[in-house]
PDB file of N, CA and C in Angstrom:
ATOM      1  N   MET A   1      12.343  38.292 -17.663  1.00  0.00           N
ATOM      2  CA  MET A   1      12.770  36.468 -17.386  1.00  0.00           C
ATOM      3  C   MET A   1      11.495  35.662 -17.235  1.00  0.00           C
ATOM      4  N   LEU A   2      11.062  35.205 -18.311  1.00  0.00           N
ATOM      5  CA  LEU A   2       9.610  34.584 -18.655  1.00  0.00           C
ATOM      6  C   LEU A   2       9.681  32.932 -17.473  1.00  0.00           C
ATOM      7  N   LYS A   3       9.101  32.635 -17.471  1.00  0.00           N
ATOM      8  CA  LYS A   3       9.292  31.056 -16.764  1.00  0.00           C
ATOM      9  C   LYS A   3       7.786  30.529 -16.638  1.00  0.00           C
ATOM     10  N   ASN A   4       7.730  29.139 -16.742  1.00  0.00           N
ATOM     11  CA  ASN A   4       6.840  28.119 -17.031  1.00  0.00           C
ATOM     12  C   ASN A   4       6.763  27.547 -14.981  1.00  0.00           C
ATOM     13  N   TYR A   5       5.804  28.716 -14.894  1.00  0.00           N
ATOM     14  CA  TYR A   5       6.025  28.009 -13.009  1.00  0.00           C
ATOM     15  C   TYR A   5       5.884  26.761 -13.170  1.00  0.00           C
ATOM     16  N   MET A   6       4.543  25.691 -13.792  1.00  0.00           N
ATOM     17  CA  MET A   6       4.641  24.612 -13.997  1.00  0.00           C
ATOM     18  C   MET A   6       6.091  23.542 -13.881  1.00  0.00           C
ATOM     19  N   GLU A   7       6.866  24.083 -14.432  1.00  0.00           N
ATOM     20  CA  GLU A   7       8.043  23.464 -14.552  1.00  0.00           C
ATOM     21  C   GLU A   7       8.593  23.325 -13.485  1.00  0.00           C
ATOM     22  N   ASP A   8       8.910  23.960 -12.012  1.00  0.00           N
ATOM     23  CA  ASP A   8       8.844  23.974 -10.965  1.00  0.00           C
ATOM     24  C   ASP A   8       8.242  23.290 -10.023  1.00  0.00           C
ATOM     25  N   ALA A   9       6.520  23.063 -10.176  1.00  0.00           N
ATOM     26  CA  ALA A   9       5.664  21.799  -9.795  1.00  0.00           C
ATOM     27  C   ALA A   9       5.814  20.940  -9.567  1.00  0.00           C
ATOM     28  N   VAL A  10       6.209  20.506 -11.451  1.00  0.00           N
ATOM     29  CA  VAL A  10       6.483  19.473 -11.707  1.00  0.00           C
ATOM     30  C   VAL A  10       7.653  18.629 -10.801  1.00  0.00           C
ATOM     31  N   ASP A  11       8.679  19.491 -10.823  1.00  0.00           N
ATOM     32  CA  ASP A  11      10.116  19.223 -10.369  1.00  0.00           C
ATOM     33  C   ASP A  11       9.839  19.344  -8.899  1.00  0.00           C
ATOM     34  N   SER A  12       8.917  19.602  -7.927  1.00  0.00           N
ATOM     35  CA  SER A  12       9.201  19.708  -6.606  1.00  0.00           C
ATOM     36  C   SER A  12       8.254  18.595  -6.376  1.00  0.00           C
ATOM     37  N   PHE A  13       7.245  18.468  -7.398  1.00  0.00           N
ATOM     38  CA  PHE A  13       5.928  17.014  -6.962  1.00  0.00           C
ATOM     39  C   PHE A  13       6.724  15.796  -7.048  1.00  0.00           C
ATOM     40  N   LEU A  14       7.223  15.810  -8.168  1.00  0.00           N
ATOM     41  CA  LEU A  14       8.117  14.610  -9.094  1.00  0.00           C
ATOM     42  C   LEU A  14       8.643  13.094  -7.799  1.00  0.00           C
ATOM     43  N   PRO A  15       9.353  14.041  -6.994  1.00  0.00           N
ATOM     44  CA  PRO A  15       9.824  13.525  -6.212  1.00  0.00           C
ATOM     45  C   PRO A  15       9.307  12.277  -5.003  1.00  0.00           C
ATOM     46  N   HIS A  16       8.558  13.096  -4.936  1.00  0.00           N
ATOM     47  CA  HIS A  16       7.103  11.935  -3.782  1.00  0.00           C
ATOM     48  C   HIS A  16       6.212  11.193  -4.654  1.00  0.00           C
ATOM     49  N   MET A  17       6.005  11.573  -6.149  1.00  0.00           N
ATOM     50  CA  MET A  17       5.062  10.475  -6.692  1.00  0.00           C
ATOM     51  C   MET A  17       6.547   9.374  -6.663  1.00  0.00           C
ATOM     52  N   LEU A  18       7.560   9.662  -7.420  1.00  0.00           N
ATOM     53  CA  LEU A  18       8.172   8.417  -7.492  1.00  0.00           C
ATOM     54  C   LEU A  18       8.503   7.073  -6.626  1.00  0.00           C
ATOM     55  N   LYS A  19       8.534   8.480  -5.230  1.00  0.00           N
ATOM     56  CA  LYS A  19       8.509   7.116  -3.995  1.00  0.00           C
ATOM     57  C   LYS A  19       7.293   5.795  -4.188  1.00  0.00           C
ATOM     58  N   GLN A  20       6.632   5.894  -5.014  1.00  0.00           N
ATOM     59  CA  GLN A  20       5.130   5.506  -4.636  1.00  0.00           C
ATOM     60  C   GLN A  20       5.769   4.035  -5.833  1.00  0.00           C
ATOM     61  N   TYR A  21       7.124   4.655  -6.809  1.00  0.00           N
ATOM     62  CA  TYR A  21       7.225   3.813  -8.007  1.00  0.00           C
ATOM     63  C   TYR A  21       8.721   2.965  -7.463  1.00  0.00           C
ATOM     64  N   PRO A  22       8.804   2.168  -6.613  1.00  0.00           N
ATOM     65  CA  PRO A  22      10.758   1.581  -6.652  1.00  0.00           C
ATOM     66  C   PRO A  22      11.104   0.865  -7.786  1.00  0.00           C
ATOM     67  N   ASP A  23      10.085   0.583  -8.722  1.00  0.00           N
ATOM     68  CA  ASP A  23      10.598   0.032  -9.588  1.00  0.00           C
ATOM     69  C   ASP A  23      11.301   0.470 -10.530  1.00  0.00           C
ATOM     70  N   ILE A  24      10.027   1.888 -10.983  1.00  0.00           N
ATOM     71  CA  ILE A  24      10.829   2.489 -12.009  1.00  0.00           C
ATOM     72  C   ILE A  24      12.004   2.964 -12.152  1.00  0.00           C
ATOM     73  N   CYS A  25      12.615   3.492 -13.639  1.00  0.00           N
ATOM     74  CA  CYS A  25      14.009   3.723 -13.754  1.00  0.00           C
ATOM     75  C   CYS A  25      13.980   4.680 -13.716  1.00  0.00           C
ATOM     76  N   ARG A  26      15.380   5.724 -12.602  1.00  0.00           N
ATOM     77  CA  ARG A  26      15.261   7.101 -12.316  1.00  0.00           C
ATOM     78  C   ARG A  26      16.102   7.698 -12.836  1.00  0.00           C
ATOM     79  N   CYS A  27      16.791   6.885 -13.894  1.00  0.00           N
ATOM     80  CA  CYS A  27      18.017   7.680 -14.889  1.00  0.00           C
ATOM     81  C   CYS A  27      17.264   9.083 -14.911  1.00  0.00           C
ATOM     82  N   GLU A  28      18.530   9.364 -15.836  1.00  0.00           N
ATOM     83  CA  GLU A  28      18.475  11.264 -16.163  1.00  0.00           C
ATOM     84  C   GLU A  28      16.972  11.283 -17.105  1.00  0.00           C
ATOM     85  N   LEU A  29      17.377  10.642 -18.710  1.00  0.00           N
ATOM     86  CA  LEU A  29      16.852  10.495 -19.624  1.00  0.00           C
ATOM     87  C   LEU A  29      15.423   9.900 -19.365  1.00  0.00           C
ATOM     88  N   CYS A  30      15.238   8.993 -18.395  1.00  0.00           N
ATOM     89  CA  CYS A  30      13.510   8.486 -17.728  1.00  0.00           C
ATOM     90  C   CYS A  30      12.883   9.633 -17.295  1.00  0.00           C
ATOM     91  N   VAL A  31      13.726  10.369 -15.825  1.00  0.00           N
ATOM     92  CA  VAL A  31      13.001  11.239 -15.636  1.00  0.00           C
ATOM     93  C   VAL A  31      12.410  12.497 -16.301  1.00  0.00           C
ATOM     94  N   GLU A  32      13.753  12.805 -17.174  1.00  0.00           N
ATOM     95  CA  GLU A  32      13.155  14.508 -18.004  1.00  0.00           C
ATOM     96  C   GLU A  32      11.718  13.347 -19.142  1.00  0.00           C
ATOM     97  N   ASP A  33      12.055  12.393 -19.489  1.00  0.00           N
ATOM     98  CA  ASP A  33      10.661  12.017 -20.476  1.00  0.00           C
ATOM     99  C   ASP A  33       9.299  12.321 -19.521  1.00  0.00           C
ATOM    100  N   ILE A  34       9.320  11.888 -18.476  1.00  0.00           N
ATOM    101  CA  ILE A  34       8.551  11.691 -17.450  1.00  0.00           C
ATOM    102  C   ILE A  34       8.209  13.434 -17.460  1.00  0.00           C
ATOM    103  N   LYS A  35       8.689  14.295 -16.866  1.00  0.00           N
ATOM    104  CA  LYS A  35       8.769  15.622 -16.927  1.00  0.00           C
ATOM    105  C   LYS A  35       7.907  16.492 -18.211  1.00  0.00           C
ATOM    106  N   ALA A  36       8.333  15.850 -19.115  1.00  0.00           N
ATOM    107  CA  ALA A  36       8.041  16.053 -20.652  1.00  0.00           C
ATOM    108  C   ALA A  36       6.675  16.420 -20.528  1.00  0.00           C
ATOM    109  N   ILE A  37       6.147  14.714 -20.910  1.00  0.00           N
ATOM    110  CA  ILE A  37       5.162  13.910 -20.901  1.00  0.00           C
ATOM    111  C   ILE A  37       4.459  15.003 -20.040  1.00  0.00           C
ATOM    112  N   ALA A  38       4.449  14.789 -19.584  1.00  0.00           N
ATOM    113  CA  ALA A  38       3.431  15.744 -17.899  1.00  0.00           C
ATOM    114  C   ALA A  38       3.717  17.427 -18.738  1.00  0.00           C
ATOM    115  N   LEU A  39       4.174  17.559 -18.942  1.00  0.00           N
ATOM    116  CA  LEU A  39       4.344  19.055 -19.483  1.00  0.00           C
ATOM    117  C   LEU A  39       3.769  19.532 -20.047  1.00  0.00           C
ATOM    118  N   ASN A  40       3.631  18.669 -20.820  1.00  0.00           N
ATOM    119  CA  ASN A  40       2.923  18.093 -22.350  1.00  0.00           C
ATOM    120  C   ASN A  40       1.639  18.723 -22.080  1.00  0.00           C
ATOM    121  N   LYS A  41       0.926  18.012 -21.348  1.00  0.00           N
ATOM    122  CA  LYS A  41      -0.555  17.974 -20.850  1.00  0.00           C
ATOM    123  C   LYS A  41      -1.032  18.900 -19.434  1.00  0.00           C
ATOM    124  N   LEU A  42      -0.170  19.354 -18.848  1.00  0.00           N
ATOM    125  CA  LEU A  42      -0.616  20.308 -17.859  1.00  0.00           C
ATOM    126  C   LEU A  42      -0.527  21.810 -18.621  1.00  0.00           C
ATOM    127  N   LYS A  43      -1.806  22.306 -18.079  1.00  0.00           N
ATOM    128  CA  LYS A  43      -1.726  24.026 -18.094  1.00  0.00           C
ATOM    129  C   LYS A  43      -0.763  24.719 -17.910  1.00  0.00           C
ATOM    130  N   PRO A  44      -0.062  25.536 -19.057  1.00  0.00           N
ATOM    131  CA  PRO A  44       1.114  26.378 -18.584  1.00  0.00           C
ATOM    132  C   PRO A  44       1.035  27.315 -17.632  1.00  0.00           C
ATOM    133  N   ALA A  45       1.514  27.915 -16.714  1.00  0.00           N
ATOM    134  CA  ALA A  45       1.400  29.169 -15.880  1.00  0.00           C
ATOM    135  C   ALA A  45       2.630  29.766 -15.916  1.00  0.00           C
ATOM    136  N   TYR A  46       2.712  30.564 -17.219  1.00  0.00           N
ATOM    137  CA  TYR A  46       3.878  31.433 -16.777  1.00  0.00           C
ATOM    138  C   TYR A  46       3.765  32.846 -16.337  1.00  0.00           C
ATOM    139  N   PHE A  47       5.113  33.400 -15.786  1.00  0.00           N
ATOM    140  CA  PHE A  47       4.614  34.774 -14.662  1.00  0.00           C
ATOM    141  C   PHE A  47       6.365  34.564 -14.997  1.00  0.00           C
ATOM    142  N   VAL A  48       6.068  36.016 -14.826  1.00  0.00           N
ATOM    143  CA  VAL A  48       7.439  37.348 -15.411  1.00  0.00           C
ATOM    144  C   VAL A  48       8.039  38.124 -13.824  1.00  0.00           C
ATOM    145  N   THR A  49       6.841  38.603 -13.674  1.00  0.00           N
ATOM    146  CA  THR A  49       7.281  39.295 -12.274  1.00  0.00           C
ATOM    147  C   THR A  49       7.309  39.028 -10.954  1.00  0.00           C
ATOM    148  N   HIS A  50       7.773  38.899  -9.445  1.00  0.00           N
ATOM    149  CA  HIS A  50       7.503  37.893  -8.309  1.00  0.00           C
ATOM    150  C   HIS A  50       6.340  38.126  -8.331  1.00  0.00           C
ATOM    151  N   GLU A  51       5.136  39.266  -8.453  1.00  0.00           N
ATOM    152  CA  GLU A  51       3.935  39.045  -7.769  1.00  0.00           C
ATOM    153  C   GLU A  51       3.019  37.466  -8.737  1.00  0.00           C
ATOM    154  N   GLY A  52       3.864  37.477 -10.398  1.00  0.00           N
ATOM    155  CA  GLY A  52       3.370  36.231 -10.904  1.00  0.00           C
ATOM    156  C   GLY A  52       3.293  34.931 -10.122  1.00  0.00           C
ATOM    157  N   LEU A  53       4.989  35.486  -9.202  1.00  0.00           N
ATOM    158  CA  LEU A  53       5.130  33.858  -8.633  1.00  0.00           C
ATOM    159  C   LEU A  53       4.279  33.867  -7.516  1.00  0.00           C
ATOM    160  N   LEU A  54       4.565  34.548  -6.998  1.00  0.00           N
ATOM    161  CA  LEU A  54       3.108  34.532  -5.549  1.00  0.00           C
ATOM    162  C   LEU A  54       2.205  34.058  -6.001  1.00  0.00           C
ATOM    163  N   PHE A  55       1.439  34.315  -6.891  1.00  0.00           N
ATOM    164  CA  PHE A  55       0.027  33.890  -7.617  1.00  0.00           C
ATOM    165  C   PHE A  55       0.220  32.532  -7.917  1.00  0.00           C
ATOM    166  N   SER A  56       1.566  31.950  -8.886  1.00  0.00           N
ATOM    167  CA  SER A  56       1.634  31.051  -9.362  1.00  0.00           C
ATOM    168  C   SER A  56       1.826  29.729  -7.482  1.00  0.00           C
ATOM    169  N   LYS A  57       2.292  30.185  -6.982  1.00  0.00           N
ATOM    170  CA  LYS A  57       2.201  29.266  -5.469  1.00  0.00           C
ATOM    171  C   LYS A  57       1.224  29.429  -5.148  1.00  0.00           C
ATOM    172  N   ILE A  58      -0.004  30.657  -4.804  1.00  0.00           N
ATOM    173  CA  ILE A  58      -1.019  30.253  -4.380  1.00  0.00           C
ATOM    174  C   ILE A  58      -1.675  28.837  -4.629  1.00  0.00           C
ATOM    175  N   ASP A  59      -1.341  29.248  -6.311  1.00  0.00           N
ATOM    176  CA  ASP A  59      -2.736  28.166  -7.412  1.00  0.00           C
ATOM    177  C   ASP A  59      -2.419  27.114  -6.777  1.00  0.00           C
ATOM    178  N   GLU A  60      -0.907  26.914  -6.389  1.00  0.00           N
ATOM    179  CA  GLU A  60      -0.637  25.489  -5.779  1.00  0.00           C
ATOM    180  C   GLU A  60      -0.612  24.331  -5.395  1.00  0.00           C
ATOM    181  N   MET A  61      -1.697  25.256  -4.130  1.00  0.00           N
ATOM    182  CA  MET A  61      -2.041  24.912  -2.958  1.00  0.00           C
ATOM    183  C   MET A  61      -3.173  24.224  -3.538  1.00  0.00           C
ATOM    184  N   THR A  62      -4.110  24.726  -3.942  1.00  0.00           N
ATOM    185  CA  THR A  62      -5.517  24.203  -4.090  1.00  0.00           C
ATOM    186  C   THR A  62      -5.354  22.532  -4.753  1.00  0.00           C
ATOM    187  N   THR A  63      -6.240  21.799  -4.461  1.00  0.00           N
ATOM    188  CA  THR A  63      -6.702  20.689  -4.804  1.00  0.00           C
ATOM    189  C   THR A  63      -6.797  20.503  -6.182  1.00  0.00           C
ATOM    190  N   GLN A  64      -7.523  21.021  -6.958  1.00  0.00           N
ATOM    191  CA  GLN A  64      -7.802  20.481  -7.911  1.00  0.00           C
ATOM    192  C   GLN A  64      -6.029  20.388  -8.422  1.00  0.00           C
ATOM    193  N   HIS A  65      -5.324  21.696  -8.211  1.00  0.00           N
ATOM    194  CA  HIS A  65      -3.878  21.628  -9.332  1.00  0.00           C
ATOM    195  C   HIS A  65      -3.279  20.366  -8.141  1.00  0.00           C
ATOM    196  N   LYS A  66      -2.981  20.048  -7.073  1.00  0.00           N
ATOM    197  CA  LYS A  66      -2.521  18.722  -6.894  1.00  0.00           C
ATOM    198  C   LYS A  66      -2.759  17.228  -7.650  1.00  0.00           C
ATOM    199  N   ALA A  67      -4.827  17.279  -7.989  1.00  0.00           N
ATOM    200  CA  ALA A  67      -5.023  16.427  -8.666  1.00  0.00           C
ATOM    201  C   ALA A  67      -4.770  16.114  -9.912  1.00  0.00           C
ATOM    202  N   ASP A  68      -4.750  17.481 -11.089  1.00  0.00           N
ATOM    203  CA  ASP A  68      -3.740  17.507 -11.774  1.00  0.00           C
ATOM    204  C   ASP A  68      -2.489  17.227 -12.092  1.00  0.00           C
ATOM    205  N   LEU A  69      -1.636  17.330 -10.912  1.00  0.00           N
ATOM    206  CA  LEU A  69      -0.230  17.121 -11.315  1.00  0.00           C
ATOM    207  C   LEU A  69      -0.143  15.872 -10.685  1.00  0.00           C
ATOM    208  N   THR A  70      -0.784  15.170 -10.106  1.00  0.00           N
ATOM    209  CA  THR A  70      -0.959  13.620  -9.774  1.00  0.00           C
ATOM    210  C   THR A  70      -1.399  12.928 -11.253  1.00  0.00           C
ATOM    211  N   SER A  71      -2.569  13.244 -11.574  1.00  0.00           N
ATOM    212  CA  SER A  71      -2.888  12.271 -12.597  1.00  0.00           C
ATOM    213  C   SER A  71      -2.256  12.633 -13.876  1.00  0.00           C
ATOM    214  N   GLU A  72      -1.392  13.658 -14.471  1.00  0.00           N
ATOM    215  CA  GLU A  72      -0.466  13.942 -15.597  1.00  0.00           C
ATOM    216  C   GLU A  72       1.137  13.011 -15.014  1.00  0.00           C
ATOM    217  N   LEU A  73       1.067  13.137 -13.721  1.00  0.00           N
ATOM    218  CA  LEU A  73       2.726  12.627 -13.470  1.00  0.00           C
ATOM    219  C   LEU A  73       2.756  10.903 -13.521  1.00  0.00           C
ATOM    220  N   THR A  74       1.198  10.541 -13.008  1.00  0.00           N
ATOM    221  CA  THR A  74       0.922   9.133 -13.347  1.00  0.00           C
ATOM    222  C   THR A  74       0.645   8.305 -14.173  1.00  0.00           C
ATOM    223  N   ARG A  75       0.237   8.771 -15.270  1.00  0.00           N
ATOM    224  CA  ARG A  75       0.243   8.888 -16.894  1.00  0.00           C
ATOM    225  C   ARG A  75       1.497   9.212 -16.775  1.00  0.00           C
ATOM    226  N   ALA A  76       2.330   9.748 -17.236  1.00  0.00           N
ATOM    227  CA  ALA A  76       3.507   9.911 -17.244  1.00  0.00           C
ATOM    228  C   ALA A  76       4.367   8.626 -17.207  1.00  0.00           C
ATOM    229  N   ILE A  77       4.710   8.518 -15.527  1.00  0.00           N
ATOM    230  CA  ILE A  77       5.487   7.002 -15.059  1.00  0.00           C
ATOM    231  C   ILE A  77       4.990   6.011 -15.589  1.00  0.00           C
ATOM    232  N   ASP A  78       3.838   6.170 -16.135  1.00  0.00           N
ATOM    233  CA  ASP A  78       2.785   4.946 -16.617  1.00  0.00           C
ATOM    234  C   ASP A  78       3.399   4.578 -17.916  1.00  0.00           C
ATOM    235  N   ILE A  79       3.914   5.130 -19.103  1.00  0.00           N
ATOM    236  CA  ILE A  79       4.283   5.376 -20.120  1.00  0.00           C
ATOM    237  C   ILE A  79       5.552   5.582 -20.049  1.00  0.00           C
ATOM    238  N   VAL A  80       6.485   5.559 -19.368  1.00  0.00           N
ATOM    239  CA  VAL A  80       8.351   6.138 -19.843  1.00  0.00           C
ATOM    240  C   VAL A  80       8.134   4.058 -18.756  1.00  0.00           C
ATOM    241  N   SER A  81       7.734   3.876 -17.964  1.00  0.00           N
ATOM    242  CA  SER A  81       8.041   2.718 -16.918  1.00  0.00           C
ATOM    243  C   SER A  81       7.481   1.308 -18.215  1.00  0.00           C
ATOM    244  N   LYS A  82       6.973   1.662 -19.101  1.00  0.00           N
ATOM    245  CA  LYS A  82       6.316   0.982 -20.306  1.00  0.00           C
ATOM    246  C   LYS A  82       7.379   0.834 -21.251  1.00  0.00           C
ATOM    247  N   ASN A  83       7.365   2.052 -21.894  1.00  0.00           N
ATOM    248  CA  ASN A  83       8.478   2.262 -23.162  1.00  0.00           C
ATOM    249  C   ASN A  83       9.480   3.098 -22.702  1.00  0.00           C
ATOM    250  N   PRO A  84      10.479   2.709 -22.084  1.00  0.00           N
ATOM    251  CA  PRO A  84      11.992   3.522 -21.732  1.00  0.00           C
ATOM    252  C   PRO A  84      12.485   3.757 -23.328  1.00  0.00           C
ATOM    253  N   ARG A  85      13.247   4.561 -23.292  1.00  0.00           N
ATOM    254  CA  ARG A  85      14.035   4.981 -24.941  1.00  0.00           C
ATOM    255  C   ARG A  85      15.144   4.630 -24.606  1.00  0.00           C
ATOM    256  N   HIS A  86      15.755   3.196 -23.859  1.00  0.00           N
ATOM    257  CA  HIS A  86      16.881   2.821 -23.693  1.00  0.00           C
ATOM    258  C   HIS A  86      16.559   1.010 -23.279  1.00  0.00           C
ATOM    259  N   PRO A  87      17.254   0.195 -23.553  1.00  0.00           N
ATOM    260  CA  PRO A  87      16.886  -1.264 -22.831  1.00  0.00           C
ATOM    261  C   PRO A  87      16.814  -1.661 -21.292  1.00  0.00           C
ATOM    262  N   LYS A  88      15.804  -2.312 -20.961  1.00  0.00           N
ATOM    263  CA  LYS A  88      14.892  -2.383 -20.074  1.00  0.00           C
ATOM    264  C   LYS A  88      16.640  -2.769 -19.195  1.00  0.00           C
ATOM    265  N   GLN A  89      16.263  -2.439 -18.260  1.00  0.00           N
ATOM    266  CA  GLN A  89      18.089  -3.780 -17.421  1.00  0.00           C
ATOM    267  C   GLN A  89      16.945  -4.422 -16.511  1.00  0.00           C
ATOM    268  N   SER A  90      18.101  -5.729 -16.241  1.00  0.00           N
ATOM    269  CA  SER A  90      17.704  -6.833 -15.427  1.00  0.00           C
ATOM    270  C   SER A  90      17.832  -6.590 -13.838  1.00  0.00           C
TER     271      SER A  90
END
């Protein structure tokens, strides 16, 4: 099975990031857009084996990895909040 670990990292980190933005839409479309925008900017981390998953998890603990995730998710949240693909809710 080929897997991009970055998808798991974004899925794991995004809920913590969204807590800092109480007014942003959390509908499925907006959340998927945030993930897609962030993942398109983050360096992929593909793995095939269990050992590859372990190395990816170790990398997740680095300060740079957290900074990259925070930066790209913040940017994606800002883009989607200003330009949702659905009418703004009042």
